Amino acid sequence: MLFNVILCFWTNLVHTLTCSCSFIVTIPGSFMVVNASGQASGQKAHLYMPTLKENDTHCIDFLYSLSSRDGASPGTLNVYIKVNGGAQGNPVWNASDTVTEGWVKSELAISTFWPNSYQVIFEAVSVQGHPGFIGVDDIRVLAHPCRKAPHFLRLQNVEVNVGQNATFQCTAGGKWSQHDNSDTALMVTRVVNHRRFSATVSVGDTSQRSTSRYRCVIRSDGGSGVSNYADLIVKAPPTPIAPPELLAVGATYLWIKPNANSIIGDGPIILKEVEYRTTSGNWAETHVVDAPTYKLWHLDPMWSMRSRSCCPDLERGARGQRGPPLVTRTKCAGEYGRCFIWTFHLRSYRMLE
């Protein structure tokens, strides 16, 4: 697929100009060009390519040129990848530092596949006082992997609890070079084998429930590799909002219902615990609850207790907060004269699958 045509000859960047390339023609010697001479800094022109739905590995390559008489760069050429009609996001590729010697080829290895779609957007940005031209030519969609830009393997969604560390594993084909650049500093790169390298990218803010999207972008000498978007899902562990329900009381036992369905936060709940203690003193115990109701045995008569729902930490799981307490006491027996108040805390927790 070849896009080689003058759709617009932009000589005025006072406003953002937009042209859509929705057909294929080949006119020898034609190309897209922006005349940045005499323009204010930051004026922009955009070229929107057709929306693509690719089923297999492919490569987009193109030629670009930054030219001026005085050797100063006339501005910046940016490339954006907009997925499924969403936000334009940050540039995945750009050229701005120096003028080029004629036309230079660059590649885009985009790992977004059907049923998802994407659109390539070229953006020229002027710099005041730097006359010259920004050109694009021979934009092609090739049915084979890129030769110089790395292709990413599928980026997987990540789910964590509030406050947990979140990391994405970005794996690409090719050989890693220290000259390759990523768009984040929070990464650790390693060689998987002679055909793969990977980068572990940390995400800093998981302080509240949210769903956000991330992708991996790497720049090589020959172009850019762009992964699919993946979701970072931050969930809050479930916390009971109702105290345990007292079902029956004896001289040496209490029978309770944890009320584990009265929660806030996210599930699934995979374990429940009852924490109970006397209202005075430091004595306390925690029991795992594996049934809708639970019977506490071997208590002293006339003990007063506080009980709450609770949930401990597990691997890949999280501890929910204690729920409100149930304050109650066992029945009195004639040979006992002491009274103890028990407090029950029930905490439910979740584990990520």
Protein backbone atom coordinates (compact mmCIF):
# COMPACT_ATOMS: atom_id res chain seq x y z
CA MET A 1 0.00 0.00 0.00
CA LEU A 2 1.62 3.25 -1.11
CA PHE A 3 0.58 6.82 -0.34
CA ASN A 4 2.52 9.08 -2.68
CA VAL A 5 0.55 12.17 -3.60
CA ILE A 6 0.35 15.90 -3.00
CA LEU A 7 -2.88 16.18 -1.05
CA CYS A 8 -2.10 19.64 0.29
CA PHE A 9 0.75 22.04 -0.26
CA TRP A 10 0.82 23.82 3.05
CA THR A 11 2.33 27.28 2.85
CA ASN A 12 0.39 28.91 5.70
CA LEU A 13 0.38 27.62 9.26
CA VAL A 14 -1.64 30.40 10.88
CA HIS A 15 -4.28 27.80 11.67
CA THR A 16 -4.09 24.06 12.11
CA LEU A 17 -4.60 22.55 8.68
CA THR A 18 -5.89 19.03 8.19
CA CYS A 19 -5.81 16.79 5.14
CA SER A 20 -7.06 13.20 4.97
CA CYS A 21 -5.35 10.60 2.81
CA SER A 22 -8.27 8.29 1.98
CA PHE A 23 -7.19 6.94 -1.38
CA ILE A 24 -4.11 5.65 -3.14
CA VAL A 25 -2.55 7.37 -6.12
CA THR A 26 1.00 7.41 -7.35
CA ILE A 27 2.16 10.60 -9.02
CA PRO A 28 5.90 10.50 -9.78
CA GLY A 29 7.82 13.11 -7.84
CA SER A 30 4.95 14.15 -5.57
CA PHE A 31 5.22 14.52 -1.78
CA MET A 32 3.72 16.32 1.22
CA VAL A 33 5.46 19.51 2.28
CA VAL A 34 5.02 22.29 4.83
CA ASN A 35 6.64 25.68 4.29
CA ALA A 36 7.55 26.83 7.79
CA SER A 37 9.06 30.13 6.68
CA GLY A 38 7.69 33.25 8.37
CA GLN A 39 5.46 31.31 10.77
CA ALA A 40 5.03 31.80 14.50
CA SER A 41 6.36 29.09 16.79
CA GLY A 42 3.96 26.25 17.52
CA GLN A 43 1.81 26.49 14.40
CA LYS A 44 0.75 23.00 13.32
CA ALA A 45 -0.36 21.09 10.25
CA HIS A 46 -1.70 17.52 10.34
CA LEU A 47 -1.89 14.67 7.85
CA TYR A 48 -4.34 11.92 8.83
CA MET A 49 -3.81 8.49 7.27
CA PRO A 50 -6.72 6.07 6.70
CA THR A 51 -7.84 4.01 9.69
CA LEU A 52 -6.14 0.60 9.56
CA LYS A 53 -7.29 -2.81 10.83
CA GLU A 54 -4.41 -5.20 10.36
CA ASN A 55 -4.60 -8.95 11.04
CA ASP A 56 -0.90 -9.78 11.05
CA THR A 57 2.58 -8.42 11.58
CA HIS A 58 3.22 -5.45 9.32
CA CYS A 59 5.44 -2.42 8.99
CA ILE A 60 4.78 1.19 8.06
CA ASP A 61 7.70 3.06 6.55
CA PHE A 62 7.99 6.55 5.15
CA LEU A 63 10.49 9.13 3.96
CA TYR A 64 10.89 12.50 5.65
CA SER A 65 12.94 15.60 5.09
CA LEU A 66 13.82 18.66 7.17
CA SER A 67 15.49 21.25 4.97
CA SER A 68 16.57 24.89 5.21
CA ARG A 69 19.07 27.20 3.57
CA ASP A 70 20.86 28.20 6.77
CA GLY A 71 21.15 24.66 8.15
CA ALA A 72 18.82 25.30 11.12
CA SER A 73 15.92 22.93 11.69
CA PRO A 74 12.66 24.42 10.38
CA GLY A 75 10.60 22.73 13.09
CA THR A 76 9.46 19.32 14.29
CA LEU A 77 7.83 16.39 12.57
CA ASN A 78 5.80 14.26 15.01
CA VAL A 79 3.98 10.96 14.48
CA TYR A 80 1.01 9.94 16.62
CA ILE A 81 -0.87 6.63 16.76
CA LYS A 82 -4.54 7.01 17.66
CA VAL A 83 -6.19 3.69 18.63
CA ASN A 84 -9.92 2.93 18.21
CA GLY A 85 -10.71 6.59 17.66
CA GLY A 86 -9.46 7.47 21.14
CA ALA A 87 -7.11 10.16 22.35
CA GLN A 88 -4.15 11.17 20.21
CA GLY A 89 -1.72 10.70 23.09
CA ASN A 90 1.97 11.54 22.98
CA PRO A 91 4.15 11.32 19.87
CA VAL A 92 5.61 7.85 19.24
CA TRP A 93 8.23 9.24 16.87
CA ASN A 94 9.67 12.68 16.09
CA ALA A 95 12.45 14.44 14.22
CA SER A 96 13.55 17.99 14.98
CA ASP A 97 17.20 18.38 15.92
CA THR A 98 18.98 18.81 12.61
CA VAL A 99 18.22 19.14 8.94
CA THR A 100 18.47 15.96 6.88
CA GLU A 101 20.63 15.22 3.89
CA GLY A 102 17.86 14.61 1.41
CA TRP A 103 15.20 12.05 2.26
CA VAL A 104 15.57 9.73 5.26
CA LYS A 105 13.61 6.50 5.77
CA SER A 106 12.00 5.62 9.08
CA GLU A 107 9.78 2.74 10.23
CA LEU A 108 6.82 2.25 12.57
CA ALA A 109 6.34 -1.24 14.06
CA ILE A 110 2.79 -0.99 15.40
CA SER A 111 1.47 -3.96 17.38
CA THR A 112 -2.24 -3.13 17.25
CA PHE A 113 -4.33 -5.74 15.47
CA TRP A 114 -7.93 -6.48 14.47
CA PRO A 115 -10.55 -6.08 15.89
CA ASN A 116 -8.78 -2.95 17.12
CA SER A 117 -8.03 -0.18 14.66
CA TYR A 118 -5.51 2.62 14.58
CA GLN A 119 -4.72 5.78 12.66
CA VAL A 120 -1.31 7.29 11.93
CA ILE A 121 -1.15 11.09 12.23
CA PHE A 122 1.74 13.18 10.94
CA GLU A 123 2.15 16.59 12.54
CA ALA A 124 4.44 19.40 11.40
CA VAL A 125 5.21 22.10 13.99
CA SER A 126 6.88 25.37 13.01
CA VAL A 127 9.62 27.26 14.84
CA GLN A 128 9.66 31.04 14.50
CA GLY A 129 12.72 32.45 12.78
CA HIS A 130 13.71 29.11 11.25
CA PRO A 131 12.68 29.18 7.57
CA GLY A 132 12.59 25.91 5.72
CA PHE A 133 10.48 22.93 4.71
CA ILE A 134 9.17 19.78 6.43
CA GLY A 135 8.33 17.02 3.98
CA VAL A 136 6.84 13.49 4.02
CA ASP A 137 6.88 11.02 1.12
CA ASP A 138 6.23 7.37 0.21
CA ILE A 139 4.15 6.25 3.22
CA ARG A 140 3.82 2.47 2.86
CA VAL A 141 2.08 -0.35 4.73
CA LEU A 142 4.20 -3.46 4.22
CA ALA A 143 3.11 -7.05 4.88
CA HIS A 144 6.30 -8.05 6.68
CA PRO A 145 8.12 -7.11 9.90
CA CYS A 146 10.13 -3.93 10.09
CA ARG A 147 13.86 -4.33 9.53
CA LYS A 148 15.08 -1.74 12.03
CA ALA A 149 12.16 -0.89 14.36
CA PRO A 150 11.40 -3.54 17.06
CA HIS A 151 8.00 -5.21 17.24
CA PHE A 152 6.42 -5.66 20.67
CA LEU A 153 4.73 -8.82 21.86
CA ARG A 154 1.26 -8.38 23.29
CA LEU A 155 1.18 -6.19 26.39
CA GLN A 156 -1.01 -7.75 29.11
CA ASN A 157 -3.42 -5.97 31.44
CA VAL A 158 -2.27 -5.49 35.04
CA GLU A 159 -4.54 -5.56 38.10
CA VAL A 160 -3.39 -4.49 41.55
CA ASN A 161 -4.86 -3.31 44.81
CA VAL A 162 -4.66 0.27 46.01
CA GLY A 163 -1.13 1.02 47.16
CA GLN A 164 0.48 -2.04 45.57
CA ASN A 165 3.34 -1.82 43.09
CA ALA A 166 2.27 -2.09 39.44
CA THR A 167 4.63 -3.18 36.65
CA PHE A 168 4.20 -3.84 32.95
CA GLN A 169 6.40 -6.32 31.08
CA CYS A 170 7.27 -4.91 27.65
CA THR A 171 8.85 -7.58 25.43
CA ALA A 172 10.10 -6.83 21.93
CA GLY A 173 11.95 -8.58 19.12
CA GLY A 174 15.49 -7.66 18.23
CA LYS A 175 18.64 -6.80 20.14
CA TRP A 176 18.68 -4.17 22.85
CA SER A 177 21.07 -1.25 22.48
CA GLN A 178 21.89 1.44 25.02
CA HIS A 179 21.18 3.92 22.24
CA ASP A 180 17.55 2.80 22.13
CA ASN A 181 15.22 5.10 24.03
CA SER A 182 12.02 4.49 26.00
CA ASP A 183 9.47 7.13 26.97
CA THR A 184 9.84 6.37 30.68
CA ALA A 185 12.76 6.36 33.09
CA LEU A 186 11.12 3.85 35.45
CA MET A 187 12.28 0.70 33.71
CA VAL A 188 14.72 -2.18 33.94
CA THR A 189 15.85 -3.76 30.66
CA ARG A 190 17.18 -7.30 30.20
CA VAL A 191 17.99 -9.62 27.31
CA VAL A 192 15.60 -12.60 27.13
CA ASN A 193 17.44 -14.43 24.34
CA HIS A 194 19.17 -13.63 21.05
CA ARG A 195 15.82 -12.64 19.53
CA ARG A 196 14.03 -10.93 22.43
CA PHE A 197 14.60 -8.24 25.02
CA SER A 198 12.21 -6.99 27.67
CA ALA A 199 11.72 -3.97 29.89
CA THR A 200 9.94 -3.99 33.24
CA VAL A 201 8.19 -0.65 33.57
CA SER A 202 6.97 0.54 36.98
CA VAL A 203 3.88 2.70 37.40
CA GLY A 204 4.09 5.08 40.31
CA ASP A 205 0.55 6.13 41.26
CA THR A 206 -1.78 3.38 42.50
CA SER A 207 -3.18 5.40 45.39
CA GLN A 208 -6.84 5.22 44.37
CA ARG A 209 -9.31 3.07 42.46
CA SER A 210 -9.03 3.70 38.74
CA THR A 211 -8.59 2.20 35.29
CA SER A 212 -5.97 3.75 33.01
CA ARG A 213 -4.27 2.74 29.77
CA TYR A 214 -0.59 2.28 29.03
CA ARG A 215 1.51 1.20 26.08
CA CYS A 216 5.20 0.61 25.44
CA VAL A 217 7.08 2.81 23.00
CA ILE A 218 10.73 2.45 22.05
CA ARG A 219 12.77 4.48 19.60
CA SER A 220 15.57 2.86 17.62
CA ASP A 221 17.91 4.24 14.97
CA GLY A 222 15.50 3.11 12.27
CA GLY A 223 12.15 4.16 13.77
CA SER A 224 9.79 3.35 16.62
CA GLY A 225 8.09 0.27 18.04
CA VAL A 226 4.64 0.76 19.57
CA SER A 227 2.79 -1.88 21.60
CA ASN A 228 -0.93 -2.33 22.03
CA TYR A 229 -2.69 -0.52 24.86
CA ALA A 230 -3.13 -2.42 28.12
CA ASP A 231 -5.23 -1.51 31.14
CA LEU A 232 -3.93 -0.83 34.61
CA ILE A 233 -6.81 -1.67 36.95
CA VAL A 234 -6.45 -0.47 40.53
CA LYS A 235 -8.98 -1.95 42.95
CA ALA A 236 -9.75 -1.45 46.60
CA PRO A 237 -9.86 -4.54 48.88
CA PRO A 238 -13.32 -5.22 50.31
CA THR A 239 -14.08 -3.80 53.74
CA PRO A 240 -17.15 -4.78 55.80
CA ILE A 241 -19.56 -1.95 56.55
CA ALA A 242 -21.80 -3.90 58.96
CA PRO A 243 -20.78 -5.64 62.20
CA PRO A 244 -21.12 -9.41 62.59
CA GLU A 245 -24.66 -10.52 63.46
CA LEU A 246 -25.15 -12.29 66.79
CA LEU A 247 -27.24 -15.46 66.27
CA ALA A 248 -27.02 -17.22 69.65
CA VAL A 249 -25.29 -16.85 73.04
CA GLY A 250 -24.30 -19.47 75.59
CA ALA A 251 -22.22 -19.55 78.74
CA THR A 252 -19.12 -20.70 76.82
CA TYR A 253 -19.85 -19.90 73.19
CA LEU A 254 -21.05 -17.22 70.77
CA TRP A 255 -22.60 -17.98 67.42
CA ILE A 256 -22.20 -15.22 64.84
CA LYS A 257 -22.84 -14.47 61.18
CA PRO A 258 -20.01 -12.44 59.62
CA ASN A 259 -22.22 -10.35 57.27
CA ALA A 260 -19.47 -10.61 54.66
CA ASN A 261 -21.82 -9.53 51.88
CA SER A 262 -22.18 -6.06 53.37
CA ILE A 263 -18.97 -4.62 52.01
CA ILE A 264 -17.48 -1.74 50.10
CA GLY A 265 -14.59 -2.14 47.71
CA ASP A 266 -13.87 -4.76 45.08
CA GLY A 267 -14.06 -8.53 45.14
CA PRO A 268 -13.84 -11.38 44.85
CA ILE A 269 -13.75 -12.29 48.54
CA ILE A 270 -11.75 -15.48 48.94
CA LEU A 271 -11.23 -15.60 52.69
CA LYS A 272 -12.86 -14.22 55.83
CA GLU A 273 -11.44 -13.95 59.30
CA VAL A 274 -12.94 -13.10 62.66
CA GLU A 275 -10.77 -11.23 65.09
CA TYR A 276 -12.07 -11.25 68.64
CA ARG A 277 -10.72 -9.87 71.88
CA THR A 278 -11.78 -8.86 75.36
CA THR A 279 -12.69 -5.23 75.72
CA SER A 280 -10.12 -4.91 78.52
CA GLY A 281 -6.63 -6.38 78.39
CA ASN A 282 -4.50 -7.47 75.45
CA TRP A 283 -5.81 -10.98 74.83
CA ALA A 284 -7.04 -11.55 71.24
CA GLU A 285 -7.38 -14.31 68.62
CA THR A 286 -8.09 -14.54 64.91
CA HIS A 287 -10.04 -17.39 63.31
CA VAL A 288 -10.60 -18.20 59.63
CA VAL A 289 -14.30 -18.32 58.77
CA ASP A 290 -15.15 -20.85 56.06
CA ALA A 291 -18.94 -21.02 56.46
CA PRO A 292 -21.84 -18.52 56.43
CA THR A 293 -21.97 -18.72 60.25
CA TYR A 294 -19.31 -19.34 62.86
CA LYS A 295 -19.35 -20.60 66.44
CA LEU A 296 -16.73 -19.44 68.94
CA TRP A 297 -16.12 -22.16 71.52
CA HIS A 298 -14.48 -22.47 74.93
CA LEU A 299 -15.20 -18.98 76.14
CA ASP A 300 -15.55 -18.04 79.78
CA PRO A 301 -19.01 -17.20 81.12
CA MET A 302 -19.88 -13.53 81.26
CA TRP A 303 -16.99 -12.58 79.02
CA SER A 304 -17.56 -9.35 77.09
CA MET A 305 -16.15 -9.38 73.57
CA ARG A 306 -15.54 -7.13 70.55
CA SER A 307 -15.66 -8.86 67.16
CA ARG A 308 -14.91 -7.50 63.69
CA SER A 309 -14.46 -8.76 60.16
CA CYS A 310 -10.86 -8.76 58.97
CA CYS A 311 -8.68 -9.97 56.12
CA PRO A 312 -4.93 -10.74 56.13
CA ASP A 313 -2.44 -10.27 53.32
CA LEU A 314 -1.88 -13.07 50.82
CA GLU A 315 0.43 -13.37 47.85
CA ARG A 316 -1.03 -11.19 45.07
CA GLY A 317 -3.86 -10.23 47.45
CA ALA A 318 -4.50 -7.46 49.93
CA ARG A 319 -5.76 -6.86 53.44
CA GLY A 320 -9.08 -5.11 53.75
CA GLN A 321 -9.82 -2.82 56.63
CA ARG A 322 -11.59 -4.02 59.77
CA GLY A 323 -15.31 -3.62 59.76
CA PRO A 324 -17.40 -2.11 62.56
CA PRO A 325 -17.38 -4.13 65.81
CA LEU A 326 -19.97 -6.32 67.43
CA VAL A 327 -19.80 -5.87 71.23
CA THR A 328 -21.45 -8.65 73.20
CA ARG A 329 -20.95 -11.03 76.16
CA THR A 330 -21.41 -14.65 77.02
CA LYS A 331 -24.11 -15.76 79.48
CA CYS A 332 -23.46 -15.98 83.19
CA ALA A 333 -22.75 -19.33 84.95
CA GLY A 334 -23.20 -19.67 88.71
CA GLU A 335 -19.68 -20.76 89.56
CA TYR A 336 -18.12 -17.84 87.65
CA GLY A 337 -18.11 -14.35 88.98
CA ARG A 338 -16.04 -12.49 86.37
CA CYS A 339 -17.45 -10.60 83.42
CA PHE A 340 -15.54 -10.18 80.14
CA ILE A 341 -16.75 -8.19 77.13
CA TRP A 342 -15.70 -9.55 73.73
CA THR A 343 -15.28 -7.45 70.61
CA PHE A 344 -15.49 -9.15 67.23
CA HIS A 345 -13.87 -7.80 64.04
CA LEU A 346 -14.61 -9.44 60.69
CA ARG A 347 -12.32 -8.63 57.76
CA SER A 348 -12.80 -10.04 54.28
CA TYR A 349 -10.11 -10.01 51.66
CA ARG A 350 -9.52 -10.69 48.01
CA MET A 351 -6.84 -12.30 45.91
CA LEU A 352 -6.02 -11.36 42.32
CA GLU A 353 -6.43 -14.26 39.93
